[in-house]
């Protein structure tokens, strides 16, 4: 998961909210291109990747800390 994809998703949501704010009931007038389940499934895959990357970085930081702690001064 990268920053540009998150930014793009936030921009899409923002544009959708801005466009739908003029309607009386707050619902968008055009039909959704993806179902809710598809969107959730896609975001879960992205979250899984982000979590794995975060865990990998954490593990590297812990290894570096242990190496520094074991150095003799």
PDB file of N, CA and C in Angstrom:
ATOM      1  N   UNK A   1       0.847  -1.166   0.000  1.00  0.00           N
ATOM      2  CA  UNK A   1       0.000   0.000   0.000  1.00  0.00           C
ATOM      3  C   UNK A   1       0.895   1.231   0.000  1.00  0.00           C
ATOM      4  N   UNK A   2       0.637   2.127  -0.942  1.00  0.00           N
ATOM      5  CA  UNK A   2       1.459   3.312  -0.984  1.00  0.00           C
ATOM      6  C   UNK A   2       0.613   4.560  -0.779  1.00  0.00           C
ATOM      7  N   UNK A   3       1.280   5.658  -0.554  1.00  0.00           N
ATOM      8  CA  UNK A   3       0.624   6.909  -0.233  1.00  0.00           C
ATOM      9  C   UNK A   3      -0.232   7.401  -1.393  1.00  0.00           C
ATOM     10  N   UNK A   4       0.245   7.216  -2.618  1.00  0.00           N
ATOM     11  CA  UNK A   4      -0.508   7.730  -3.765  1.00  0.00           C
ATOM     12  C   UNK A   4      -1.849   7.009  -3.929  1.00  0.00           C
ATOM     13  N   UNK A   5      -1.899   5.710  -3.651  1.00  0.00           N
ATOM     14  CA  UNK A   5      -3.173   4.997  -3.776  1.00  0.00           C
ATOM     15  C   UNK A   5      -4.143   5.428  -2.683  1.00  0.00           C
ATOM     16  N   UNK A   6      -3.636   5.677  -1.475  1.00  0.00           N
ATOM     17  CA  UNK A   6      -4.489   6.153  -0.396  1.00  0.00           C
ATOM     18  C   UNK A   6      -5.004   7.545  -0.723  1.00  0.00           C
ATOM     19  N   UNK A   7      -4.118   8.396  -1.225  1.00  0.00           N
ATOM     20  CA  UNK A   7      -4.500   9.753  -1.591  1.00  0.00           C
ATOM     21  C   UNK A   7      -5.547   9.734  -2.696  1.00  0.00           C
ATOM     22  N   UNK A   8      -5.357   8.862  -3.675  1.00  0.00           N
ATOM     23  CA  UNK A   8      -6.313   8.740  -4.770  1.00  0.00           C
ATOM     24  C   UNK A   8      -7.676   8.287  -4.257  1.00  0.00           C
ATOM     25  N   UNK A   9      -7.689   7.319  -3.355  1.00  0.00           N
ATOM     26  CA  UNK A   9      -8.949   6.838  -2.781  1.00  0.00           C
ATOM     27  C   UNK A   9      -9.647   7.931  -1.995  1.00  0.00           C
ATOM     28  N   UNK A  10      -8.880   8.704  -1.208  1.00  0.00           N
ATOM     29  CA  UNK A  10      -9.466   9.794  -0.440  1.00  0.00           C
ATOM     30  C   UNK A  10     -10.022  10.878  -1.351  1.00  0.00           C
ATOM     31  N   UNK A  11      -9.324  11.156  -2.449  1.00  0.00           N
ATOM     32  CA  UNK A  11      -9.823  12.147  -3.401  1.00  0.00           C
ATOM     33  C   UNK A  11     -11.124  11.685  -4.045  1.00  0.00           C
ATOM     34  N   UNK A  12     -11.216  10.400  -4.373  1.00  0.00           N
ATOM     35  CA  UNK A  12     -12.440   9.867  -4.960  1.00  0.00           C
ATOM     36  C   UNK A  12     -13.602   9.989  -3.991  1.00  0.00           C
ATOM     37  N   UNK A  13     -13.375   9.670  -2.727  1.00  0.00           N
ATOM     38  CA  UNK A  13     -14.426   9.775  -1.721  1.00  0.00           C
ATOM     39  C   UNK A  13     -14.833  11.234  -1.542  1.00  0.00           C
ATOM     40  N   UNK A  14     -13.845  12.112  -1.484  1.00  0.00           N
ATOM     41  CA  UNK A  14     -14.125  13.537  -1.322  1.00  0.00           C
ATOM     42  C   UNK A  14     -14.937  14.076  -2.496  1.00  0.00           C
ATOM     43  N   UNK A  15     -14.545  13.707  -3.708  1.00  0.00           N
ATOM     44  CA  UNK A  15     -15.289  14.149  -4.891  1.00  0.00           C
ATOM     45  C   UNK A  15     -16.701  13.592  -4.890  1.00  0.00           C
ATOM     46  N   UNK A  16     -16.837  12.348  -4.482  1.00  0.00           N
ATOM     47  CA  UNK A  16     -18.163  11.733  -4.421  1.00  0.00           C
ATOM     48  C   UNK A  16     -19.047  12.460  -3.424  1.00  0.00           C
ATOM     49  N   UNK A  17     -18.508  12.792  -2.259  1.00  0.00           N
ATOM     50  CA  UNK A  17     -19.280  13.512  -1.250  1.00  0.00           C
ATOM     51  C   UNK A  17     -19.626  14.920  -1.718  1.00  0.00           C
ATOM     52  N   UNK A  18     -18.699  15.569  -2.389  1.00  0.00           N
ATOM     53  CA  UNK A  18     -18.943  16.914  -2.886  1.00  0.00           C
ATOM     54  C   UNK A  18     -20.030  16.905  -3.952  1.00  0.00           C
ATOM     55  N   UNK A  19     -19.971  15.935  -4.860  1.00  0.00           N
ATOM     56  CA  UNK A  19     -20.956  15.854  -5.932  1.00  0.00           C
ATOM     57  C   UNK A  19     -22.328  15.474  -5.407  1.00  0.00           C
ATOM     58  N   UNK A  20     -22.392  14.655  -4.382  1.00  0.00           N
ATOM     59  CA  UNK A  20     -23.685  14.200  -3.881  1.00  0.00           C
ATOM     60  C   UNK A  20     -24.281  15.156  -2.867  1.00  0.00           C
ATOM     61  N   UNK A  21     -23.524  16.149  -2.412  1.00  0.00           N
ATOM     62  CA  UNK A  21     -24.062  17.051  -1.403  1.00  0.00           C
ATOM     63  C   UNK A  21     -25.145  17.948  -1.962  1.00  0.00           C
ATOM     64  N   UNK A  22     -25.208  18.120  -3.287  1.00  0.00           N
ATOM     65  CA  UNK A  22     -26.231  18.951  -3.888  1.00  0.00           C
ATOM     66  C   UNK A  22     -27.573  18.246  -4.017  1.00  0.00           C
ATOM     67  N   UNK A  23     -27.617  16.939  -3.892  1.00  0.00           N
ATOM     68  CA  UNK A  23     -28.883  16.229  -4.001  1.00  0.00           C
ATOM     69  C   UNK A  23     -29.622  16.287  -2.677  1.00  0.00           C
ATOM     70  N   UNK A  24     -30.930  16.164  -2.755  1.00  0.00           N
ATOM     71  CA  UNK A  24     -31.748  16.307  -1.560  1.00  0.00           C
ATOM     72  C   UNK A  24     -31.530  15.230  -0.525  1.00  0.00           C
ATOM     73  N   UNK A  25     -31.328  13.978  -0.945  1.00  0.00           N
ATOM     74  CA  UNK A  25     -31.216  12.890   0.021  1.00  0.00           C
ATOM     75  C   UNK A  25     -29.781  12.465   0.304  1.00  0.00           C
ATOM     76  N   UNK A  26     -28.796  13.109  -0.343  1.00  0.00           N
ATOM     77  CA  UNK A  26     -27.406  12.782  -0.084  1.00  0.00           C
ATOM     78  C   UNK A  26     -26.916  11.547  -0.818  1.00  0.00           C
ATOM     79  N   UNK A  27     -27.748  10.954  -1.667  1.00  0.00           N
ATOM     80  CA  UNK A  27     -27.353   9.771  -2.420  1.00  0.00           C
ATOM     81  C   UNK A  27     -26.858  10.193  -3.793  1.00  0.00           C
ATOM     82  N   UNK A  28     -25.841   9.527  -4.286  1.00  0.00           N
ATOM     83  CA  UNK A  28     -25.315   9.834  -5.615  1.00  0.00           C
ATOM     84  C   UNK A  28     -26.328   9.407  -6.662  1.00  0.00           C
ATOM     85  N   UNK A  29     -26.443  10.165  -7.733  1.00  0.00           N
ATOM     86  CA  UNK A  29     -27.440   9.863  -8.758  1.00  0.00           C
ATOM     87  C   UNK A  29     -26.989   8.773  -9.708  1.00  0.00           C
ATOM     88  N   UNK A  30     -25.673   8.552  -9.866  1.00  0.00           N
ATOM     89  CA  UNK A  30     -25.198   7.505 -10.771  1.00  0.00           C
ATOM     90  C   UNK A  30     -24.963   6.204 -10.000  1.00  0.00           C
ATOM     91  N   UNK A  31     -25.164   5.062 -10.643  1.00  0.00           N
ATOM     92  CA  UNK A  31     -24.985   3.779  -9.953  1.00  0.00           C
ATOM     93  C   UNK A  31     -23.512   3.517  -9.646  1.00  0.00           C
ATOM     94  N   UNK A  32     -23.267   2.779  -8.580  1.00  0.00           N
ATOM     95  CA  UNK A  32     -21.908   2.443  -8.167  1.00  0.00           C
ATOM     96  C   UNK A  32     -21.302   1.463  -9.156  1.00  0.00           C
ATOM     97  N   UNK A  33     -20.014   1.619  -9.438  1.00  0.00           N
ATOM     98  CA  UNK A  33     -19.351   0.718 -10.369  1.00  0.00           C
ATOM     99  C   UNK A  33     -18.861  -0.550  -9.677  1.00  0.00           C
ATOM    100  N   UNK A  34     -18.643  -0.490  -8.368  1.00  0.00           N
ATOM    101  CA  UNK A  34     -18.224  -1.654  -7.598  1.00  0.00           C
ATOM    102  C   UNK A  34     -19.191  -1.848  -6.442  1.00  0.00           C
ATOM    103  N   UNK A  35     -19.393  -3.103  -6.093  1.00  0.00           N
ATOM    104  CA  UNK A  35     -20.249  -3.362  -4.946  1.00  0.00           C
ATOM    105  C   UNK A  35     -19.472  -3.118  -3.657  1.00  0.00           C
ATOM    106  N   UNK A  36     -20.204  -2.976  -2.577  1.00  0.00           N
ATOM    107  CA  UNK A  36     -19.585  -2.750  -1.268  1.00  0.00           C
ATOM    108  C   UNK A  36     -18.641  -3.893  -0.924  1.00  0.00           C
ATOM    109  N   UNK A  37     -19.057  -5.111  -1.208  1.00  0.00           N
ATOM    110  CA  UNK A  37     -18.229  -6.283  -0.914  1.00  0.00           C
ATOM    111  C   UNK A  37     -16.922  -6.272  -1.680  1.00  0.00           C
ATOM    112  N   UNK A  38     -16.965  -5.837  -2.939  1.00  0.00           N
ATOM    113  CA  UNK A  38     -15.759  -5.761  -3.745  1.00  0.00           C
ATOM    114  C   UNK A  38     -14.795  -4.716  -3.187  1.00  0.00           C
ATOM    115  N   UNK A  39     -15.340  -3.582  -2.791  1.00  0.00           N
ATOM    116  CA  UNK A  39     -14.504  -2.516  -2.238  1.00  0.00           C
ATOM    117  C   UNK A  39     -13.860  -2.969  -0.935  1.00  0.00           C
ATOM    118  N   UNK A  40     -14.655  -3.602  -0.060  1.00  0.00           N
ATOM    119  CA  UNK A  40     -14.122  -4.079   1.219  1.00  0.00           C
ATOM    120  C   UNK A  40     -13.049  -5.145   0.987  1.00  0.00           C
ATOM    121  N   UNK A  41     -13.299  -6.042   0.057  1.00  0.00           N
ATOM    122  CA  UNK A  41     -12.333  -7.091  -0.239  1.00  0.00           C
ATOM    123  C   UNK A  41     -11.020  -6.497  -0.744  1.00  0.00           C
ATOM    124  N   UNK A  42     -11.111  -5.527  -1.620  1.00  0.00           N
ATOM    125  CA  UNK A  42      -9.909  -4.877  -2.146  1.00  0.00           C
ATOM    126  C   UNK A  42      -9.143  -4.158  -1.038  1.00  0.00           C
ATOM    127  N   UNK A  43      -9.852  -3.451  -0.189  1.00  0.00           N
ATOM    128  CA  UNK A  43      -9.192  -2.702   0.890  1.00  0.00           C
ATOM    129  C   UNK A  43      -8.593  -3.643   1.929  1.00  0.00           C
ATOM    130  N   UNK A  44      -9.230  -4.808   2.155  1.00  0.00           N
ATOM    131  CA  UNK A  44      -8.653  -5.779   3.082  1.00  0.00           C
ATOM    132  C   UNK A  44      -7.337  -6.316   2.547  1.00  0.00           C
ATOM    133  N   UNK A  45      -7.274  -6.606   1.204  1.00  0.00           N
ATOM    134  CA  UNK A  45      -6.000  -7.057   0.616  1.00  0.00           C
ATOM    135  C   UNK A  45      -4.931  -6.001   0.785  1.00  0.00           C
ATOM    136  N   UNK A  46      -5.302  -4.711   0.593  1.00  0.00           N
ATOM    137  CA  UNK A  46      -4.335  -3.632   0.739  1.00  0.00           C
ATOM    138  C   UNK A  46      -3.893  -3.503   2.190  1.00  0.00           C
ATOM    139  N   UNK A  47      -4.822  -3.670   3.118  1.00  0.00           N
ATOM    140  CA  UNK A  47      -4.484  -3.592   4.534  1.00  0.00           C
ATOM    141  C   UNK A  47      -3.562  -4.740   4.934  1.00  0.00           C
ATOM    142  N   UNK A  48      -3.789  -5.903   4.376  1.00  0.00           N
ATOM    143  CA  UNK A  48      -2.944  -7.063   4.661  1.00  0.00           C
ATOM    144  C   UNK A  48      -1.514  -6.804   4.200  1.00  0.00           C
ATOM    145  N   UNK A  49      -1.362  -6.235   3.020  1.00  0.00           N
ATOM    146  CA  UNK A  49      -0.028  -5.921   2.504  1.00  0.00           C
ATOM    147  C   UNK A  49       0.648  -4.882   3.390  1.00  0.00           C
ATOM    148  N   UNK A  50      -0.097  -3.850   3.769  1.00  0.00           N
ATOM    149  CA  UNK A  50       0.463  -2.798   4.621  1.00  0.00           C
ATOM    150  C   UNK A  50       0.885  -3.362   5.972  1.00  0.00           C
ATOM    151  N   UNK A  51       0.090  -4.262   6.519  1.00  0.00           N
ATOM    152  CA  UNK A  51       0.434  -4.871   7.813  1.00  0.00           C
ATOM    153  C   UNK A  51       1.708  -5.702   7.704  1.00  0.00           C
ATOM    154  N   UNK A  52       1.824  -6.487   6.636  1.00  0.00           N
ATOM    155  CA  UNK A  52       3.031  -7.295   6.452  1.00  0.00           C
ATOM    156  C   UNK A  52       4.269  -6.423   6.298  1.00  0.00           C
ATOM    157  N   UNK A  53       4.138  -5.305   5.577  1.00  0.00           N
ATOM    158  CA  UNK A  53       5.270  -4.390   5.425  1.00  0.00           C
ATOM    159  C   UNK A  53       5.644  -3.761   6.762  1.00  0.00           C
ATOM    160  N   UNK A  54       4.652  -3.396   7.541  1.00  0.00           N
ATOM    161  CA  UNK A  54       4.905  -2.797   8.851  1.00  0.00           C
ATOM    162  C   UNK A  54       5.605  -3.788   9.779  1.00  0.00           C
ATOM    163  N   UNK A  55       5.170  -5.027   9.760  1.00  0.00           N
ATOM    164  CA  UNK A  55       5.795  -6.059  10.591  1.00  0.00           C
ATOM    165  C   UNK A  55       7.244  -6.291  10.153  1.00  0.00           C
ATOM    166  N   UNK A  56       7.497  -6.261   8.853  1.00  0.00           N
ATOM    167  CA  UNK A  56       8.857  -6.448   8.356  1.00  0.00           C
ATOM    168  C   UNK A  56       9.768  -5.305   8.814  1.00  0.00           C
ATOM    169  N   UNK A  57       9.268  -4.082   8.754  1.00  0.00           N
ATOM    170  CA  UNK A  57      10.057  -2.933   9.210  1.00  0.00           C
ATOM    171  C   UNK A  57      10.311  -3.036  10.708  1.00  0.00           C
ATOM    172  N   UNK A  58       9.287  -3.416  11.469  1.00  0.00           N
ATOM    173  CA  UNK A  58       9.444  -3.571  12.917  1.00  0.00           C
ATOM    174  C   UNK A  58      10.517  -4.607  13.232  1.00  0.00           C
ATOM    175  N   UNK A  59      10.471  -5.738  12.527  1.00  0.00           N
ATOM    176  CA  UNK A  59      11.462  -6.792  12.760  1.00  0.00           C
ATOM    177  C   UNK A  59      12.881  -6.303  12.468  1.00  0.00           C
ATOM    178  N   UNK A  60      13.037  -5.531  11.390  1.00  0.00           N
ATOM    179  CA  UNK A  60      14.362  -4.981  11.065  1.00  0.00           C
ATOM    180  C   UNK A  60      14.828  -4.015  12.147  1.00  0.00           C
ATOM    181  N   UNK A  61      13.922  -3.190  12.660  1.00  0.00           N
ATOM    182  CA  UNK A  61      14.288  -2.253  13.722  1.00  0.00           C
ATOM    183  C   UNK A  61      14.686  -2.983  14.999  1.00  0.00           C
ATOM    184  N   UNK A  62      13.976  -4.043  15.336  1.00  0.00           N
ATOM    185  CA  UNK A  62      14.314  -4.826  16.525  1.00  0.00           C
ATOM    186  C   UNK A  62      15.676  -5.478  16.364  1.00  0.00           C
ATOM    187  N   UNK A  63      15.949  -6.024  15.171  1.00  0.00           N
ATOM    188  CA  UNK A  63      17.264  -6.630  14.928  1.00  0.00           C
ATOM    189  C   UNK A  63      18.370  -5.588  15.047  1.00  0.00           C
ATOM    190  N   UNK A  64      18.145  -4.402  14.495  1.00  0.00           N
ATOM    191  CA  UNK A  64      19.152  -3.341  14.584  1.00  0.00           C
ATOM    192  C   UNK A  64      19.370  -2.938  16.037  1.00  0.00           C
ATOM    193  N   UNK A  65      18.308  -2.825  16.803  1.00  0.00           N
ATOM    194  CA  UNK A  65      18.426  -2.470  18.226  1.00  0.00           C
ATOM    195  C   UNK A  65      19.230  -3.525  18.978  1.00  0.00           C
ATOM    196  N   UNK A  66      18.952  -4.793  18.695  1.00  0.00           N
ATOM    197  CA  UNK A  66      19.677  -5.867  19.376  1.00  0.00           C
ATOM    198  C   UNK A  66      21.161  -5.841  19.033  1.00  0.00           C
ATOM    199  N   UNK A  67      21.471  -5.547  17.768  1.00  0.00           N
ATOM    200  CA  UNK A  67      22.878  -5.465  17.371  1.00  0.00           C
ATOM    201  C   UNK A  67      23.588  -4.317  18.068  1.00  0.00           C
ATOM    202  N   UNK A  68      22.905  -3.178  18.161  1.00  0.00           N
ATOM    203  CA  UNK A  68      23.487  -2.022  18.846  1.00  0.00           C
ATOM    204  C   UNK A  68      23.653  -2.320  20.347  1.00  0.00           C
ATOM    205  N   UNK A  69      22.665  -2.970  20.942  1.00  0.00           N
ATOM    206  CA  UNK A  69      22.713  -3.288  22.374  1.00  0.00           C
ATOM    207  C   UNK A  69      23.852  -4.257  22.683  1.00  0.00           C
ATOM    208  N   UNK A  70      24.182  -5.131  21.741  1.00  0.00           N
ATOM    209  CA  UNK A  70      25.235  -6.115  21.966  1.00  0.00           C
ATOM    210  C   UNK A  70      26.640  -5.601  21.656  1.00  0.00           C
ATOM    211  N   UNK A  71      26.746  -4.386  21.134  1.00  0.00           N
ATOM    212  CA  UNK A  71      28.069  -3.821  20.848  1.00  0.00           C
ATOM    213  C   UNK A  71      28.805  -3.519  22.136  1.00  0.00           C
ATOM    214  N   UNK A  72      30.094  -3.787  22.108  1.00  0.00           N
ATOM    215  CA  UNK A  72      30.912  -3.453  23.270  1.00  0.00           C
ATOM    216  C   UNK A  72      31.564  -2.098  23.035  1.00  0.00           C
ATOM    217  N   UNK A  73      31.526  -1.304  24.070  1.00  0.00           N
ATOM    218  CA  UNK A  73      32.054   0.065  23.948  1.00  0.00           C
ATOM    219  C   UNK A  73      33.434   0.124  24.535  1.00  0.00           C
TER     220      UNK A  73
END
